[in-house]
C-alpha atoms as a PDB file:
ATOM      1  CA  UNK A   1     -35.793 -20.791   6.960  1.00  0.00           C
ATOM      2  CA  UNK A   2     -39.466 -21.769   7.135  1.00  0.00           C
ATOM      3  CA  UNK A   3     -40.435 -24.352   9.671  1.00  0.00           C
ATOM      4  CA  UNK A   4     -42.527 -27.335   8.471  1.00  0.00           C
ATOM      5  CA  UNK A   5     -45.918 -27.619  10.088  1.00  0.00           C
ATOM      6  CA  UNK A   6     -48.621 -30.235  10.122  1.00  0.00           C
ATOM      7  CA  UNK A   7     -52.383 -30.199  10.704  1.00  0.00           C
ATOM      8  CA  UNK A   8     -53.926 -31.138  13.997  1.00  0.00           C
ATOM      9  CA  UNK A   9     -55.007 -34.462  12.519  1.00  0.00           C
ATOM     10  CA  UNK A  10     -51.534 -35.263  11.283  1.00  0.00           C
ATOM     11  CA  UNK A  11     -50.074 -34.378  14.732  1.00  0.00           C
ATOM     12  CA  UNK A  12     -52.697 -36.700  16.313  1.00  0.00           C
ATOM     13  CA  UNK A  13     -51.563 -39.525  14.053  1.00  0.00           C
ATOM     14  CA  UNK A  14     -47.865 -38.937  14.651  1.00  0.00           C
ATOM     15  CA  UNK A  15     -48.213 -38.779  18.434  1.00  0.00           C
ATOM     16  CA  UNK A  16     -51.097 -41.293  18.579  1.00  0.00           C
ATOM     17  CA  UNK A  17     -53.190 -39.032  20.839  1.00  0.00           C
ATOM     18  CA  UNK A  18     -56.596 -37.363  20.714  1.00  0.00           C
ATOM     19  CA  UNK A  19     -57.472 -33.889  19.464  1.00  0.00           C
ATOM     20  CA  UNK A  20     -58.128 -32.913  23.070  1.00  0.00           C
ATOM     21  CA  UNK A  21     -54.558 -33.961  24.030  1.00  0.00           C
ATOM     22  CA  UNK A  22     -53.083 -31.968  21.092  1.00  0.00           C
ATOM     23  CA  UNK A  23     -55.028 -28.856  22.225  1.00  0.00           C
ATOM     24  CA  UNK A  24     -53.795 -29.344  25.798  1.00  0.00           C
ATOM     25  CA  UNK A  25     -50.206 -29.767  24.650  1.00  0.00           C
ATOM     26  CA  UNK A  26     -50.444 -26.550  22.623  1.00  0.00           C
ATOM     27  CA  UNK A  27     -52.047 -24.599  25.475  1.00  0.00           C
ATOM     28  CA  UNK A  28     -49.395 -25.833  27.917  1.00  0.00           C
ATOM     29  CA  UNK A  29     -46.594 -24.801  25.533  1.00  0.00           C
ATOM     30  CA  UNK A  30     -45.297 -28.359  25.011  1.00  0.00           C
ATOM     31  CA  UNK A  31     -46.138 -28.128  21.343  1.00  0.00           C
ATOM     32  CA  UNK A  32     -45.581 -25.009  19.282  1.00  0.00           C
ATOM     33  CA  UNK A  33     -48.382 -24.048  16.903  1.00  0.00           C
ATOM     34  CA  UNK A  34     -49.933 -21.149  15.046  1.00  0.00           C
ATOM     35  CA  UNK A  35     -53.440 -20.259  13.848  1.00  0.00           C
ATOM     36  CA  UNK A  36     -54.127 -19.985  10.162  1.00  0.00           C
ATOM     37  CA  UNK A  37     -56.404 -16.991  10.606  1.00  0.00           C
ATOM     38  CA  UNK A  38     -57.514 -14.561  13.242  1.00  0.00           C
ATOM     39  CA  UNK A  39     -61.130 -15.831  12.943  1.00  0.00           C
ATOM     40  CA  UNK A  40     -62.511 -18.013  15.730  1.00  0.00           C
ATOM     41  CA  UNK A  41     -62.283 -20.907  15.594  1.00  0.00           C
ATOM     42  CA  UNK A  42     -59.174 -21.069  13.470  1.00  0.00           C
ATOM     43  CA  UNK A  43     -57.412 -24.244  12.377  1.00  0.00           C
ATOM     44  CA  UNK A  44     -54.026 -24.820  13.967  1.00  0.00           C
ATOM     45  CA  UNK A  45     -50.785 -25.866  12.339  1.00  0.00           C
ATOM     46  CA  UNK A  46     -48.343 -27.620  14.714  1.00  0.00           C
ATOM     47  CA  UNK A  47     -44.620 -27.284  14.001  1.00  0.00           C
ATOM     48  CA  UNK A  48     -43.130 -30.656  13.128  1.00  0.00           C
ATOM     49  CA  UNK A  49     -39.872 -29.951  14.978  1.00  0.00           C
ATOM     50  CA  UNK A  50     -41.965 -29.270  18.038  1.00  0.00           C
ATOM     51  CA  UNK A  51     -43.579 -32.722  17.687  1.00  0.00           C
ATOM     52  CA  UNK A  52     -40.213 -34.357  17.253  1.00  0.00           C
ATOM     53  CA  UNK A  53     -38.865 -32.551  20.359  1.00  0.00           C
ATOM     54  CA  UNK A  54     -41.883 -33.714  22.379  1.00  0.00           C
ATOM     55  CA  UNK A  55     -41.305 -37.293  21.203  1.00  0.00           C
ATOM     56  CA  UNK A  56     -37.663 -37.108  22.279  1.00  0.00           C
ATOM     57  CA  UNK A  57     -38.554 -35.733  25.673  1.00  0.00           C
ATOM     58  CA  UNK A  58     -41.094 -38.493  26.158  1.00  0.00           C
ATOM     59  CA  UNK A  59     -38.779 -41.068  24.569  1.00  0.00           C
ATOM     60  CA  UNK A  60     -41.320 -42.142  21.982  1.00  0.00           C
ATOM     61  CA  UNK A  61     -40.093 -44.094  18.962  1.00  0.00           C
ATOM     62  CA  UNK A  62     -39.748 -41.999  15.821  1.00  0.00           C
ATOM     63  CA  UNK A  63     -41.134 -42.994  12.407  1.00  0.00           C
ATOM     64  CA  UNK A  64     -38.600 -44.375  10.017  1.00  0.00           C
END
């Protein structure tokens, strides 16, 4: 089963945080993501289930 992923911008909107915070969360392992290409810099895709897990851990309200 493929995992759904969102862009950095979409993750920023869902979590209501900055791009810097998204990058920090990915580097720290709190959010799971992958790069689209091996080129630098490469856009990231953040797994939606990882965002939802982070929201639950931080007890943030979920979108309805």
